[in-house]
Amino acid sequence: MSVRDINRIQEAVAEYWRDVQWVESTGSTNADMLAHGEPGMVLIADEQTDGKGRLGRHWVSPKGSQLAMSMVLDASKHPGDFGLLSIAPGVAVTDVVPEAQLKWPNDVQIRGKKIAGILSGLDMPKVVVGIGINVAMRPEDLPVETATALNLEGIEVDFDDFTIDILTAMGQRLGQWLDGDPRLLEDYRRVCTTIGQEVRMELHNGVVTGTVDGVNDAGEVIIDGTAYAVGDVHHLRPRA
């Protein structure tokens, strides 16, 4: 799948994004936008050959399989709670794909399987938010057993319409982050399946297990009364 009419997409999302561009292939849309992007720009790529995931992981988006893009924000007037930046894009995806839920901090999942990855980059006052959503994939092309794609979950989309819907939702949710709107965190808590779960959390210096009490106002996960800002969470008894 690929962008068919970039001009129609641009017109539809101009309220939020002033310059939407498309390329057939690139190493990393995040790297491109960190190097050359300006606030209000979006770069969509059919293929990424050198993308980066959370905790420095390498990932590739096969051609035509994902909506892979990066968006540039001006955070010069933002109060500085960057811990909440990572949650806004995930909530935006759940706005468009109601079957989706979030595993802390921002793994977008359907039935416990990941359909999207999100990674932000800072070059203040510029902030780049990147996302890759698995739209159309064959089971044998999934990178891991815990991944899935919209088509494999019975969700078929028109690529241009889906791109417009996602960019619109991103504009709204990232706008809430920039404005410090408390509704962003309220809505995140409603779609975060990690809350109430028994989890194992891998930290840089060890492992923590326990029950997730909630997510605090800084976006940190609270496990048995202790808040953690960074780590890999694994649900021990995932809900379907």
C-alpha atoms as a PDB file:
ATOM      1  CA  MET A   1       0.000   0.000   0.000  1.00  0.00           C
ATOM      2  CA  SER A   2       1.163   3.516  -0.721  1.00  0.00           C
ATOM      3  CA  VAL A   3       0.128   7.138  -0.869  1.00  0.00           C
ATOM      4  CA  ARG A   4      -1.912   7.780  -4.009  1.00  0.00           C
ATOM      5  CA  ASP A   5      -2.691  11.509  -3.723  1.00  0.00           C
ATOM      6  CA  ILE A   6      -0.340  13.470  -1.474  1.00  0.00           C
ATOM      7  CA  ASN A   7      -2.071  16.730  -2.419  1.00  0.00           C
ATOM      8  CA  ARG A   8      -5.422  15.484  -1.113  1.00  0.00           C
ATOM      9  CA  ILE A   9      -3.773  14.396   2.124  1.00  0.00           C
ATOM     10  CA  GLN A  10      -2.102  17.790   2.462  1.00  0.00           C
ATOM     11  CA  GLU A  11      -5.354  19.682   1.926  1.00  0.00           C
ATOM     12  CA  ALA A  12      -7.213  17.520   4.439  1.00  0.00           C
ATOM     13  CA  VAL A  13      -4.681  17.995   7.267  1.00  0.00           C
ATOM     14  CA  ALA A  14      -3.529  21.553   6.573  1.00  0.00           C
ATOM     15  CA  GLU A  15      -5.074  22.738   9.846  1.00  0.00           C
ATOM     16  CA  TYR A  16      -2.410  20.758  11.707  1.00  0.00           C
ATOM     17  CA  TRP A  17       0.419  20.093   9.219  1.00  0.00           C
ATOM     18  CA  ARG A  18       1.547  22.708   6.737  1.00  0.00           C
ATOM     19  CA  ASP A  19       3.942  20.587   4.648  1.00  0.00           C
ATOM     20  CA  VAL A  20       3.264  16.876   4.073  1.00  0.00           C
ATOM     21  CA  GLN A  21       5.867  15.110   1.948  1.00  0.00           C
ATOM     22  CA  TRP A  22       6.200  11.566   0.626  1.00  0.00           C
ATOM     23  CA  VAL A  23       9.235   9.536  -0.430  1.00  0.00           C
ATOM     24  CA  GLU A  24       9.429   6.002  -1.789  1.00  0.00           C
ATOM     25  CA  SER A  25      12.337   4.968   0.436  1.00  0.00           C
ATOM     26  CA  THR A  26      14.614   6.419   3.108  1.00  0.00           C
ATOM     27  CA  GLY A  27      16.838   5.243   5.904  1.00  0.00           C
ATOM     28  CA  SER A  28      14.792   6.803   8.708  1.00  0.00           C
ATOM     29  CA  THR A  29      12.063   9.421   8.569  1.00  0.00           C
ATOM     30  CA  ASN A  30      12.990  10.492  12.113  1.00  0.00           C
ATOM     31  CA  ALA A  31      16.622  11.029  11.155  1.00  0.00           C
ATOM     32  CA  ASP A  32      15.572  12.976   8.051  1.00  0.00           C
ATOM     33  CA  MET A  33      13.279  15.259  10.026  1.00  0.00           C
ATOM     34  CA  LEU A  34      15.775  15.762  12.851  1.00  0.00           C
ATOM     35  CA  ALA A  35      18.317  16.854  10.227  1.00  0.00           C
ATOM     36  CA  HIS A  36      16.134  18.915   7.906  1.00  0.00           C
ATOM     37  CA  GLY A  37      12.575  19.164   9.230  1.00  0.00           C
ATOM     38  CA  GLU A  38      10.787  22.296  10.336  1.00  0.00           C
ATOM     39  CA  PRO A  39       7.729  22.575  12.622  1.00  0.00           C
ATOM     40  CA  GLY A  40       4.566  21.582  10.809  1.00  0.00           C
ATOM     41  CA  MET A  41       6.313  19.184   8.434  1.00  0.00           C
ATOM     42  CA  VAL A  42       5.445  15.509   7.932  1.00  0.00           C
ATOM     43  CA  LEU A  43       7.525  12.955   6.034  1.00  0.00           C
ATOM     44  CA  ILE A  44       5.841   9.708   4.913  1.00  0.00           C
ATOM     45  CA  ALA A  45       7.920   6.857   3.491  1.00  0.00           C
ATOM     46  CA  ASP A  46       6.845   3.662   1.740  1.00  0.00           C
ATOM     47  CA  GLU A  47       9.972   2.005   3.078  1.00  0.00           C
ATOM     48  CA  GLN A  48      12.494   2.594   5.872  1.00  0.00           C
ATOM     49  CA  THR A  49      15.783   0.716   5.726  1.00  0.00           C
ATOM     50  CA  ASP A  50      17.457   1.983   8.904  1.00  0.00           C
ATOM     51  CA  GLY A  51      14.695   2.827  11.344  1.00  0.00           C
ATOM     52  CA  LYS A  52      15.285   2.899  15.084  1.00  0.00           C
ATOM     53  CA  GLY A  53      12.965   1.643  17.793  1.00  0.00           C
ATOM     54  CA  ARG A  54      12.823   2.050  21.546  1.00  0.00           C
ATOM     55  CA  LEU A  55      16.013   1.356  23.501  1.00  0.00           C
ATOM     56  CA  GLY A  56      18.082   1.617  20.314  1.00  0.00           C
ATOM     57  CA  ARG A  57      16.528  -1.360  18.563  1.00  0.00           C
ATOM     58  CA  HIS A  58      16.893  -1.555  14.785  1.00  0.00           C
ATOM     59  CA  TRP A  59      13.822  -2.119  12.643  1.00  0.00           C
ATOM     60  CA  VAL A  60      12.916  -2.101   8.971  1.00  0.00           C
ATOM     61  CA  SER A  61       9.531  -1.330   7.443  1.00  0.00           C
ATOM     62  CA  PRO A  62       9.010  -3.519   4.341  1.00  0.00           C
ATOM     63  CA  LYS A  63       7.876  -1.596   1.302  1.00  0.00           C
ATOM     64  CA  GLY A  64       4.134  -0.948   1.215  1.00  0.00           C
ATOM     65  CA  SER A  65       3.441  -2.664   4.536  1.00  0.00           C
ATOM     66  CA  GLN A  66       3.267   0.273   6.931  1.00  0.00           C
ATOM     67  CA  LEU A  67       2.155   3.820   7.362  1.00  0.00           C
ATOM     68  CA  ALA A  68       5.601   5.052   8.380  1.00  0.00           C
ATOM     69  CA  MET A  69       6.017   8.763   9.025  1.00  0.00           C
ATOM     70  CA  SER A  70       7.562  11.453  11.199  1.00  0.00           C
ATOM     71  CA  MET A  71       6.008  14.739  12.316  1.00  0.00           C
ATOM     72  CA  VAL A  72       7.802  17.878  13.494  1.00  0.00           C
ATOM     73  CA  LEU A  73       6.582  20.053  16.371  1.00  0.00           C
ATOM     74  CA  ASP A  74       7.719  23.359  17.835  1.00  0.00           C
ATOM     75  CA  ALA A  75       8.059  22.793  21.580  1.00  0.00           C
ATOM     76  CA  SER A  76       9.638  26.175  22.387  1.00  0.00           C
ATOM     77  CA  LYS A  77       6.669  27.203  24.541  1.00  0.00           C
ATOM     78  CA  HIS A  78       6.020  23.803  26.074  1.00  0.00           C
ATOM     79  CA  PRO A  79       6.340  23.610  29.884  1.00  0.00           C
ATOM     80  CA  GLY A  80       8.721  20.655  29.634  1.00  0.00           C
ATOM     81  CA  ASP A  81       6.902  17.497  30.760  1.00  0.00           C
ATOM     82  CA  PHE A  82       8.393  15.417  27.964  1.00  0.00           C
ATOM     83  CA  GLY A  83       7.432  12.222  29.761  1.00  0.00           C
ATOM     84  CA  LEU A  84       3.940  12.677  28.318  1.00  0.00           C
ATOM     85  CA  LEU A  85       5.145  13.226  24.750  1.00  0.00           C
ATOM     86  CA  SER A  86       5.315   9.512  24.014  1.00  0.00           C
ATOM     87  CA  ILE A  87       1.704   8.820  25.012  1.00  0.00           C
ATOM     88  CA  ALA A  88      -0.025  11.276  22.671  1.00  0.00           C
ATOM     89  CA  PRO A  89       0.671   9.400  19.392  1.00  0.00           C
ATOM     90  CA  GLY A  90      -0.558   6.120  20.836  1.00  0.00           C
ATOM     91  CA  VAL A  91      -3.812   7.669  22.001  1.00  0.00           C
ATOM     92  CA  ALA A  92      -4.205   9.161  18.517  1.00  0.00           C
ATOM     93  CA  VAL A  93      -4.029   5.702  16.950  1.00  0.00           C
ATOM     94  CA  THR A  94      -6.717   4.395  19.327  1.00  0.00           C
ATOM     95  CA  ASP A  95      -8.903   7.333  18.269  1.00  0.00           C
ATOM     96  CA  VAL A  96      -8.786   6.026  14.690  1.00  0.00           C
ATOM     97  CA  VAL A  97      -8.588   2.290  15.415  1.00  0.00           C
ATOM     98  CA  PRO A  98     -11.028   1.653  18.287  1.00  0.00           C
ATOM     99  CA  GLU A  99      -9.965  -2.014  18.466  1.00  0.00           C
ATOM    100  CA  ALA A 100      -6.494  -0.879  19.583  1.00  0.00           C
ATOM    101  CA  GLN A 101      -5.260  -0.432  23.137  1.00  0.00           C
ATOM    102  CA  LEU A 102      -1.947   0.670  24.653  1.00  0.00           C
ATOM    103  CA  LYS A 103       0.682  -1.172  26.665  1.00  0.00           C
ATOM    104  CA  TRP A 104       2.779   1.242  28.713  1.00  0.00           C
ATOM    105  CA  PRO A 105       4.259   3.462  27.590  1.00  0.00           C
ATOM    106  CA  ASN A 106       3.141   3.503  23.956  1.00  0.00           C
ATOM    107  CA  ASP A 107       2.972   0.066  22.371  1.00  0.00           C
ATOM    108  CA  VAL A 108      -0.174   0.063  20.246  1.00  0.00           C
ATOM    109  CA  GLN A 109      -1.743  -3.394  20.374  1.00  0.00           C
ATOM    110  CA  ILE A 110      -4.756  -5.369  19.220  1.00  0.00           C
ATOM    111  CA  ARG A 111      -5.536  -8.486  21.277  1.00  0.00           C
ATOM    112  CA  GLY A 112      -2.152  -8.169  22.944  1.00  0.00           C
ATOM    113  CA  LYS A 113      -0.179  -8.043  19.683  1.00  0.00           C
ATOM    114  CA  LYS A 114       1.707  -4.955  18.564  1.00  0.00           C
ATOM    115  CA  ILE A 115       0.544  -3.078  15.473  1.00  0.00           C
ATOM    116  CA  ALA A 116       2.571   0.130  15.811  1.00  0.00           C
ATOM    117  CA  GLY A 117       5.840   1.492  17.135  1.00  0.00           C
ATOM    118  CA  ILE A 118       6.441   5.076  18.256  1.00  0.00           C
ATOM    119  CA  LEU A 119       9.720   6.915  18.796  1.00  0.00           C
ATOM    120  CA  SER A 120      10.355  10.591  19.539  1.00  0.00           C
ATOM    121  CA  GLY A 121      13.505  12.614  19.013  1.00  0.00           C
ATOM    122  CA  LEU A 122      14.446  15.963  20.545  1.00  0.00           C
ATOM    123  CA  ASP A 123      16.501  18.748  18.985  1.00  0.00           C
ATOM    124  CA  MET A 124      15.077  21.606  21.015  1.00  0.00           C
ATOM    125  CA  PRO A 125      13.028  23.531  20.323  1.00  0.00           C
ATOM    126  CA  LYS A 126      12.215  21.005  17.605  1.00  0.00           C
ATOM    127  CA  VAL A 127      10.547  17.719  18.487  1.00  0.00           C
ATOM    128  CA  VAL A 128      10.172  14.867  15.992  1.00  0.00           C
ATOM    129  CA  VAL A 129       7.558  12.154  16.539  1.00  0.00           C
ATOM    130  CA  GLY A 130       7.864   9.029  14.425  1.00  0.00           C
ATOM    131  CA  ILE A 131       5.377   6.188  14.036  1.00  0.00           C
ATOM    132  CA  GLY A 132       5.088   3.020  12.000  1.00  0.00           C
ATOM    133  CA  ILE A 133       1.687   1.337  11.823  1.00  0.00           C
ATOM    134  CA  ASN A 134       1.450  -2.164  10.341  1.00  0.00           C
ATOM    135  CA  VAL A 135      -1.303  -1.754   7.763  1.00  0.00           C
ATOM    136  CA  ALA A 136      -0.954  -4.631   5.294  1.00  0.00           C
ATOM    137  CA  MET A 137       1.406  -7.526   6.026  1.00  0.00           C
ATOM    138  CA  ARG A 138       1.637 -11.265   5.450  1.00  0.00           C
ATOM    139  CA  PRO A 139       1.993 -13.385   8.581  1.00  0.00           C
ATOM    140  CA  GLU A 140       5.431 -14.586   7.431  1.00  0.00           C
ATOM    141  CA  ASP A 141       6.651 -10.975   7.183  1.00  0.00           C
ATOM    142  CA  LEU A 142       5.877 -10.083  10.798  1.00  0.00           C
ATOM    143  CA  PRO A 143       9.136  -9.353  12.658  1.00  0.00           C
ATOM    144  CA  VAL A 144       8.125 -11.241  15.823  1.00  0.00           C
ATOM    145  CA  GLU A 145       5.315 -13.540  16.956  1.00  0.00           C
ATOM    146  CA  THR A 146       3.927 -10.784  19.170  1.00  0.00           C
ATOM    147  CA  ALA A 147       3.312  -8.456  16.206  1.00  0.00           C
ATOM    148  CA  THR A 148       0.278  -8.147  13.971  1.00  0.00           C
ATOM    149  CA  ALA A 149      -1.153  -5.864  11.299  1.00  0.00           C
ATOM    150  CA  LEU A 150      -4.503  -4.245  10.631  1.00  0.00           C
ATOM    151  CA  ASN A 151      -5.321  -6.543   7.710  1.00  0.00           C
ATOM    152  CA  LEU A 152      -4.474  -9.620   9.788  1.00  0.00           C
ATOM    153  CA  GLU A 153      -6.981  -8.415  12.389  1.00  0.00           C
ATOM    154  CA  GLY A 154      -9.704  -8.066   9.766  1.00  0.00           C
ATOM    155  CA  ILE A 155      -9.342  -4.276   9.515  1.00  0.00           C
ATOM    156  CA  GLU A 156      -9.065  -3.101   5.918  1.00  0.00           C
ATOM    157  CA  VAL A 157      -8.349   0.577   5.253  1.00  0.00           C
ATOM    158  CA  ASP A 158      -7.985   2.937   2.341  1.00  0.00           C
ATOM    159  CA  PHE A 159      -4.384   4.085   2.713  1.00  0.00           C
ATOM    160  CA  ASP A 160      -4.928   7.776   1.915  1.00  0.00           C
ATOM    161  CA  ASP A 161      -8.047   8.028   4.075  1.00  0.00           C
ATOM    162  CA  PHE A 162      -6.277   6.233   6.919  1.00  0.00           C
ATOM    163  CA  THR A 163      -3.297   8.583   6.618  1.00  0.00           C
ATOM    164  CA  ILE A 164      -5.617  11.600   6.785  1.00  0.00           C
ATOM    165  CA  ASP A 165      -7.404  10.211   9.843  1.00  0.00           C
ATOM    166  CA  ILE A 166      -4.150   9.407  11.648  1.00  0.00           C
ATOM    167  CA  LEU A 167      -2.572  12.800  10.883  1.00  0.00           C
ATOM    168  CA  THR A 168      -5.728  14.577  12.035  1.00  0.00           C
ATOM    169  CA  ALA A 169      -5.795  12.612  15.286  1.00  0.00           C
ATOM    170  CA  MET A 170      -2.068  13.228  15.749  1.00  0.00           C
ATOM    171  CA  GLY A 171      -2.569  16.943  15.298  1.00  0.00           C
ATOM    172  CA  GLN A 172      -5.296  16.952  17.930  1.00  0.00           C
ATOM    173  CA  ARG A 173      -3.524  14.769  20.490  1.00  0.00           C
ATOM    174  CA  LEU A 174      -0.100  16.360  20.070  1.00  0.00           C
ATOM    175  CA  GLY A 175      -1.849  19.716  20.374  1.00  0.00           C
ATOM    176  CA  GLN A 176      -3.210  18.552  23.731  1.00  0.00           C
ATOM    177  CA  TRP A 177       0.336  17.682  24.793  1.00  0.00           C
ATOM    178  CA  LEU A 178       1.634  21.094  23.738  1.00  0.00           C
ATOM    179  CA  ASP A 179      -1.233  22.802  25.610  1.00  0.00           C
ATOM    180  CA  GLY A 180      -0.889  20.685  28.756  1.00  0.00           C
ATOM    181  CA  ASP A 181      -4.501  19.497  28.357  1.00  0.00           C
ATOM    182  CA  PRO A 182      -5.302  16.999  31.173  1.00  0.00           C
ATOM    183  CA  ARG A 183      -7.747  15.161  28.923  1.00  0.00           C
ATOM    184  CA  LEU A 184      -4.799  13.554  27.120  1.00  0.00           C
ATOM    185  CA  LEU A 185      -3.706  11.659  30.216  1.00  0.00           C
ATOM    186  CA  GLU A 186      -7.289  10.871  31.204  1.00  0.00           C
ATOM    187  CA  ASP A 187      -7.921   9.312  27.804  1.00  0.00           C
ATOM    188  CA  TYR A 188      -4.587   7.477  27.913  1.00  0.00           C
ATOM    189  CA  ARG A 189      -5.505   5.809  31.198  1.00  0.00           C
ATOM    190  CA  ARG A 190      -8.759   4.597  29.661  1.00  0.00           C
ATOM    191  CA  VAL A 191      -6.987   2.732  26.861  1.00  0.00           C
ATOM    192  CA  CYS A 192      -3.880   1.582  28.760  1.00  0.00           C
ATOM    193  CA  THR A 193      -4.201  -2.146  29.437  1.00  0.00           C
ATOM    194  CA  THR A 194      -1.102  -2.154  31.665  1.00  0.00           C
ATOM    195  CA  ILE A 195      -3.049  -0.558  34.520  1.00  0.00           C
ATOM    196  CA  GLY A 196      -4.120  -3.284  36.935  1.00  0.00           C
ATOM    197  CA  GLN A 197      -1.861  -5.902  35.324  1.00  0.00           C
ATOM    198  CA  GLU A 198       0.720  -8.108  36.967  1.00  0.00           C
ATOM    199  CA  VAL A 199       3.940  -7.254  35.128  1.00  0.00           C
ATOM    200  CA  ARG A 200       7.627  -7.912  34.848  1.00  0.00           C
ATOM    201  CA  MET A 201       9.586  -4.745  34.119  1.00  0.00           C
ATOM    202  CA  GLU A 202      13.110  -4.943  32.755  1.00  0.00           C
ATOM    203  CA  LEU A 203      15.272  -2.024  33.916  1.00  0.00           C
ATOM    204  CA  HIS A 204      18.835  -1.129  32.955  1.00  0.00           C
ATOM    205  CA  ASN A 205      19.995  -2.427  36.344  1.00  0.00           C
ATOM    206  CA  GLY A 206      17.625  -5.288  37.061  1.00  0.00           C
ATOM    207  CA  VAL A 207      14.062  -6.580  36.971  1.00  0.00           C
ATOM    208  CA  VAL A 208      10.953  -5.560  38.923  1.00  0.00           C
ATOM    209  CA  THR A 209       7.761  -7.584  39.207  1.00  0.00           C
ATOM    210  CA  GLY A 210       4.463  -6.514  40.702  1.00  0.00           C
ATOM    211  CA  THR A 211       1.034  -5.062  40.044  1.00  0.00           C
ATOM    212  CA  VAL A 212       0.578  -1.794  38.159  1.00  0.00           C
ATOM    213  CA  ASP A 213      -1.356   0.646  40.315  1.00  0.00           C
ATOM    214  CA  GLY A 214      -1.656   3.278  37.614  1.00  0.00           C
ATOM    215  CA  VAL A 215       0.136   5.888  35.528  1.00  0.00           C
ATOM    216  CA  ASN A 216       0.976   9.154  37.283  1.00  0.00           C
ATOM    217  CA  ASP A 217       0.684  12.698  35.943  1.00  0.00           C
ATOM    218  CA  ALA A 218       4.245  12.539  34.593  1.00  0.00           C
ATOM    219  CA  GLY A 219       3.385   9.468  32.517  1.00  0.00           C
ATOM    220  CA  GLU A 220       5.406   7.133  34.754  1.00  0.00           C
ATOM    221  CA  VAL A 221       4.130   3.638  35.491  1.00  0.00           C
ATOM    222  CA  ILE A 222       3.508   2.880  39.171  1.00  0.00           C
ATOM    223  CA  ILE A 223       4.313  -0.684  40.242  1.00  0.00           C
ATOM    224  CA  ASP A 224       3.428  -1.568  43.839  1.00  0.00           C
ATOM    225  CA  GLY A 225       3.652   2.084  44.811  1.00  0.00           C
ATOM    226  CA  THR A 226       6.946   2.922  43.055  1.00  0.00           C
ATOM    227  CA  ALA A 227       7.080   5.045  39.895  1.00  0.00           C
ATOM    228  CA  TYR A 228       9.291   4.128  36.944  1.00  0.00           C
ATOM    229  CA  ALA A 229       9.983   6.351  33.956  1.00  0.00           C
ATOM    230  CA  VAL A 230      11.849   3.940  31.668  1.00  0.00           C
ATOM    231  CA  GLY A 231      11.775   0.197  31.185  1.00  0.00           C
ATOM    232  CA  ASP A 232      10.393  -2.718  29.190  1.00  0.00           C
ATOM    233  CA  VAL A 233       7.058  -3.921  30.574  1.00  0.00           C
ATOM    234  CA  HIS A 234       5.781  -7.454  30.020  1.00  0.00           C
ATOM    235  CA  HIS A 235       2.248  -8.398  31.011  1.00  0.00           C
ATOM    236  CA  LEU A 236       2.357 -11.649  32.958  1.00  0.00           C
ATOM    237  CA  ARG A 237      -1.328 -12.408  32.423  1.00  0.00           C
ATOM    238  CA  PRO A 238      -2.277 -10.475  29.275  1.00  0.00           C
ATOM    239  CA  ARG A 239      -5.938  -9.715  28.762  1.00  0.00           C
ATOM    240  CA  ALA A 240      -7.405 -10.760  25.442  1.00  0.00           C
END
